[in-house]
Amino acid sequence: MYKVNENNRTFELVDSFDVEYSGTAGIFAEYDEDHNLIKKYQAKMNKYMVYKVLKYNFNNFWFKL
C-alpha cells in the first residue's frame, strides 16, 4: 500500500506482503487488512491472461439500500 501526497507529488510504501497471483493461470485472491486470505479465485481463461480484476459494492446500483 502506498501513501500518496498529491500536493508534493510524492509517494511512500507503507505496507506490503507477498501474494499468490498468476495472471497467465487466471489465479487471484482477496485479502483483508491484516493480510489474511478471504477468498482465492480461478478465472476461466481467454486466449492469454486475466488482464484486470475489479470489485464493486453495487450500492444504489439497481435498488436503494
C-alpha atoms as a PDB file:
ATOM      1  CA  MET A   1       0.000   0.000   0.000  1.00  0.00           C
ATOM      2  CA  TYR A   2       1.262   3.445  -0.854  1.00  0.00           C
ATOM      3  CA  LYS A   3       0.694   6.740   0.906  1.00  0.00           C
ATOM      4  CA  VAL A   4       0.370   9.417  -1.757  1.00  0.00           C
ATOM      5  CA  ASN A   5       0.901  13.136  -1.231  1.00  0.00           C
ATOM      6  CA  GLU A   6      -0.611  14.783  -4.289  1.00  0.00           C
ATOM      7  CA  ASN A   7       0.494  18.278  -3.214  1.00  0.00           C
ATOM      8  CA  ASN A   8       4.178  17.307  -3.058  1.00  0.00           C
ATOM      9  CA  ARG A   9       3.809  14.741  -5.864  1.00  0.00           C
ATOM     10  CA  THR A  10       5.436  12.079  -3.694  1.00  0.00           C
ATOM     11  CA  PHE A  11       4.566   8.560  -2.584  1.00  0.00           C
ATOM     12  CA  GLU A  12       5.806   6.235   0.155  1.00  0.00           C
ATOM     13  CA  LEU A  13       5.447   2.472   0.559  1.00  0.00           C
ATOM     14  CA  VAL A  14       3.724   1.916   3.921  1.00  0.00           C
ATOM     15  CA  ASP A  15       2.731  -1.768   3.725  1.00  0.00           C
ATOM     16  CA  SER A  16       3.369  -4.795   1.538  1.00  0.00           C
ATOM     17  CA  PHE A  17       3.189  -8.582   1.598  1.00  0.00           C
ATOM     18  CA  ASP A  18       3.692 -11.458  -0.813  1.00  0.00           C
ATOM     19  CA  VAL A  19       0.599 -12.751  -2.553  1.00  0.00           C
ATOM     20  CA  GLU A  20      -0.089 -15.607  -4.913  1.00  0.00           C
ATOM     21  CA  TYR A  21      -1.000 -14.238  -8.309  1.00  0.00           C
ATOM     22  CA  SER A  22      -0.771 -15.652 -11.750  1.00  0.00           C
ATOM     23  CA  GLY A  23      -2.494 -13.692 -14.490  1.00  0.00           C
ATOM     24  CA  THR A  24      -1.416 -16.279 -17.012  1.00  0.00           C
ATOM     25  CA  ALA A  25      -3.090 -19.076 -14.984  1.00  0.00           C
ATOM     26  CA  GLY A  26      -6.121 -16.969 -14.031  1.00  0.00           C
ATOM     27  CA  ILE A  27      -5.455 -17.195 -10.276  1.00  0.00           C
ATOM     28  CA  PHE A  28      -6.047 -14.234  -7.966  1.00  0.00           C
ATOM     29  CA  ALA A  29      -7.129 -13.711  -4.352  1.00  0.00           C
ATOM     30  CA  GLU A  30      -8.685 -11.217  -1.956  1.00  0.00           C
ATOM     31  CA  TYR A  31      -7.121 -10.382   1.423  1.00  0.00           C
ATOM     32  CA  ASP A  32      -8.268  -8.467   4.494  1.00  0.00           C
ATOM     33  CA  GLU A  33      -6.413  -5.541   6.087  1.00  0.00           C
ATOM     34  CA  ASP A  34      -4.365  -7.961   8.236  1.00  0.00           C
ATOM     35  CA  HIS A  35      -3.194  -9.837   5.110  1.00  0.00           C
ATOM     36  CA  ASN A  36      -5.383 -12.875   5.788  1.00  0.00           C
ATOM     37  CA  LEU A  37      -6.773 -14.668   2.761  1.00  0.00           C
ATOM     38  CA  ILE A  38     -10.503 -14.059   2.305  1.00  0.00           C
ATOM     39  CA  LYS A  39     -11.047 -15.958  -0.933  1.00  0.00           C
ATOM     40  CA  LYS A  40      -8.979 -17.375  -3.787  1.00  0.00           C
ATOM     41  CA  TYR A  41     -10.410 -17.385  -7.318  1.00  0.00           C
ATOM     42  CA  GLN A  42      -9.537 -19.044 -10.575  1.00  0.00           C
ATOM     43  CA  ALA A  43     -10.988 -17.452 -13.672  1.00  0.00           C
ATOM     44  CA  LYS A  44     -11.733 -19.195 -16.913  1.00  0.00           C
ATOM     45  CA  MET A  45      -9.002 -18.058 -19.236  1.00  0.00           C
ATOM     46  CA  ASN A  46      -9.372 -16.406 -22.589  1.00  0.00           C
ATOM     47  CA  LYS A  47      -6.532 -16.548 -25.070  1.00  0.00           C
ATOM     48  CA  TYR A  48      -3.722 -15.094 -22.940  1.00  0.00           C
ATOM     49  CA  MET A  49      -4.323 -13.958 -19.363  1.00  0.00           C
ATOM     50  CA  VAL A  50      -6.530 -12.199 -16.833  1.00  0.00           C
ATOM     51  CA  TYR A  51      -5.941  -8.523 -17.564  1.00  0.00           C
ATOM     52  CA  LYS A  52      -7.786  -6.856 -14.716  1.00  0.00           C
ATOM     53  CA  VAL A  53      -9.949  -7.807 -11.735  1.00  0.00           C
ATOM     54  CA  LEU A  54     -12.384  -5.280 -10.260  1.00  0.00           C
ATOM     55  CA  LYS A  55     -14.640  -5.450  -7.216  1.00  0.00           C
ATOM     56  CA  TYR A  56     -17.697  -3.236  -6.846  1.00  0.00           C
ATOM     57  CA  ASN A  57     -20.099  -2.933  -3.919  1.00  0.00           C
ATOM     58  CA  PHE A  58     -23.139  -2.176  -6.156  1.00  0.00           C
ATOM     59  CA  ASN A  59     -24.618   0.237  -3.608  1.00  0.00           C
ATOM     60  CA  ASN A  60     -27.561   2.056  -5.223  1.00  0.00           C
ATOM     61  CA  PHE A  61     -26.982   0.182  -8.470  1.00  0.00           C
ATOM     62  CA  TRP A  62     -30.450  -1.295  -9.079  1.00  0.00           C
ATOM     63  CA  PHE A  63     -32.078  -0.530  -5.789  1.00  0.00           C
ATOM     64  CA  LYS A  64     -31.686   1.846  -2.897  1.00  0.00           C
ATOM     65  CA  LEU A  65     -30.364   0.449   0.371  1.00  0.00           C
END
